[in-house]
Every structure is written in structure tokens, then in C-alpha cells.
């Protein structure tokens, strides 16, 4: 088997035939749920993309994210529309681009055998399969992370100065895609200090270039750090520290298998004293480890930990995984085959949220100018997407003048300060006698999803509102809408229900 595998790797048909074939397989796996309904975050993405293009960076003071993805999405929706399939396709394009990039990057760094293993991982990886069908920035991050890892090895570890502009630009773009790109920068600095001290001057010049290009965003970042953060997140545990990064490579089972097989293979590398290769692998592992540890420490101070954010380390993880499998030889080949079967059995389900179904059920009760209230405040952008313009919007925080974007600034303190009955009274004054309004409420099925500071507060406020509205003598319940998906007990992450009320007096 090993000889046959070596023959395949050495074949001149590998790239022109094998690479397009893997891209096609990836396309098949990653396009089966392009029409899946949006969930909260995707509604926020599309809402921001619809704002005036030049105003997006300033508006993101309310959100907590950098602007690159939203600005690209803003251009995309103006060219191709804002349907689920159209906006998911942008993510799909980034995900498909990871496949050939993984091959060329790994071949340049570690050779053809490692490149083949890395490409198979990139083509089938469930992490990329999932987020290729979501209107968020994680596929873009994975793509840029590959460029960063490749250009770091070539430009810094190997001292090829022609690569340093690529490294600078890719690193800046990654930081402008997600704030965790800054944690990766710390990992790159630590790896250089540990394994490339002879290139510290070159790295300092590169770091200066990155700092200059990122400096315009720094005031917004500091404002976001003070006022937005991620109050919906919880502090990670030690278990999360060791296993969460494995999500980018296919989950716990695949991660553990690669760690065990790769550890043995890379341990043998140390014995054989391959100095340059050993340094490059050690540097990439340091980048991964330091990025994760810095993210862990930062999330202990201000919780902002979720597995999807690890897209920033996808590049170095895939490069190291490819070489680990190549170095493990027969065992590595067997592990790769096992991963193919594990990855091949993964499929994305249309179960992120039922906003599309629940809004379809409420539309017959609505007319232009009606009031719509969401007791889960950040749901408004996705509800606005499905219901369209022409309505007045509010949350448990009060009136919401721009339903395209949720204002996360000091959201916890604002929601704590919002008094339930006075807010309800103020909103009811805008509803004429005999008029109707709709209230969207969460279905509190899986209480583990409501443990964070923000979500626990939303849970309490929504429950209070539900009781007050139900017992308000001024109101009559017209309809309780639970979509077919809820009736069938589909396992949505945070499902919704709706109540239609009429004001009697």
C-alpha cells in the first residue's frame, strides 16, 4: 500500500486531476444546505451589509467585530442579492479556495506527501463544511490563516524577503476579519522569539508594517473592548483549553487521533535531527499553542470564547497535520483513510434556527406600521430580514430605531436598567385600541444555552415580559404561533415562538 501511495504522490497527474477532483468533492459536501435558514448571527451579518457601505466601519462600534468581512459582504449582496443561498455562497467560495491553497502551501513548506494529506483534510474538514454554509466570516479567516502560515514560514523562518509583503498584508487582513487575529499575532511573535531569533530584526520590520496598517482601527477596537465585548459567552474551562482548538480539524476524535499519530511521528523527527524542518514545525506548533493560551487567558478576563473563533489557527494546524501524517508513513496513511470516512459521514443540517418558519406564520397577522417586539433583543436583524421593511421594532430595551443592527454597547447594564412594566406601557401607547402587535419570544428548551451573563439576563427578562403580557387586562391573545419545525421537536439551537396580541383598551 505504501508503494502505491508513493506512486500516487509522485504522479504528474496528481495536481491537474486530483486537485480539481477534491475541489468538486468539497463543493458537493459544502453546498447541500446553501438554502438553509439564517440564525441570529447571520441576520446581523446581512443587516450590517445592507447599511451604507462607507458607514460600516463606524457602525461596528455597536457590534464588536472588525469590518473586512462585512464590507466584502456588502459588495456581494449588491452584486448577487441577499438570499440565503447567495450570501452562503460567499463563504463557500472562501472555503473552496482553502483546498488548492492548502496543497500549494503545504507542498512549498513540507513537500508533496504532506501536501496531499493537508489537501484531503481541507477538502473534507467538517469545520469548513459547516461554515461554508453560514453567512459569517470564518471561512475567510481560515483562508487568510493559510496565507499567513505559508508566508510566515517563507518570509520569516526561511528569510525570503520577497514573502514579507505577503505576510504583512495577510496578517493585517486577518486582524481586520476577526479580533482573534491579534492573538495569532502574539503566537507569531512568540514563535519567532523562540525559534528564529536571527530574524528578529526582519520580524520587527514586518510587525511595524502590520501595526501601521492596523492603527486606523485601533480606536474602534478600544471602544469595542470597553463597551461591547461578548457578554453572551462564558469563561472557558481547562477542558476547553485542550480540546476546543480541535474543532478546526474535525472535532475531538479526529483531533486526538492526529495528536497521537502526529506526536509519535514528529517525535521521531527530533531523533533524526532534521534541523530546519524541526524548527519550522516547532514554530508552527508554538503559533498554535500560544494563540490558544492567549485566547484562553483573555477569555478569563472578558469571556469571548467559542470554538468557531479558532478559524484563525486553521492554517498552521493544517500544515502541521499534513506533515504529521506524512511523517507517520503507514500509520499516517491509515489515519488519513480513517479521517476520510469520518469526515465523509458528516453533513450539515438545517437546524440553526426557525426564524424563517416562525416569521412566515406571523405574516398574515401583520400590516404596514405594526409594532413587532422581540424579547430576545439580538434576534431583531434576522426577523427584520424575513419580515422586510415597513414595521416598527422594539425589544425589552425599548424602541429599536435601526432593526438592521443590534447595539451591543453596554448591553448588559442597559438591559438591567430597563424596567419591564414602564417599557411595556410606553410601547402599548403606540398601539391604537383594536390594533394588534406581535411579540417574538425564545423557546427555553436547552437551558445550557442561557448560562452566560447576557443570555441569563435575557432569559429572566423574557420570562417576566411573558407573564406581564399574559396577565395584562388591556390585551387579548389572538394567536400563539409555533412553527412546524418546533412542533416536530427539531433540535434548533435557540428556537422562537410568536404571540399576536390585540389591544382592547
Foldseek 3Di string as FASTA:
>chain_A
DLVVLVVLLPDPCCVVPVLVVLLVLLCVQQQPVLQFAADLVLLLLLLLLPPDLVCSQVVCLQPQWFCDLSSVLNVQCVVPNDHSNSLLQVLLVLLSVVLVLLLVLLCVQPRRQLSVLLNNLSSQAVLSSASSSHNALLSVLLSLLQQLLSLLCVCQLVPPVVSLVSNLVSLLVNCSRGVLSVLLVVLLLVLCVVQPVVRVVVVVVSVVSNCVSCVVSVVSNVSCVQFFFCLLFAQDDVVCLPFLLCSLRHGRVLSVLLCVLLVVLLVVVVVVCPPSSNSSLVSLVSSLNSSSVVLNVVCVVGNDDDSSVSSNSNNSVSSSSSNSLVSSRPSSVVSSVVVSVSSVPDHDDSFAECLLQQLVVCQVQDDFAAEEEELLQSNQSSNCVNNDDRYWYAYLLAGDPRSSHRRRTNVLVSNVPRDRPVRVVVVVVSADAQGKYKYKYWDCDPVVSQPGSVSVSSVVSRVVNVVCQVPPPQKDWDDKADGPCVVVVRDHPIYMIMIMIGGND
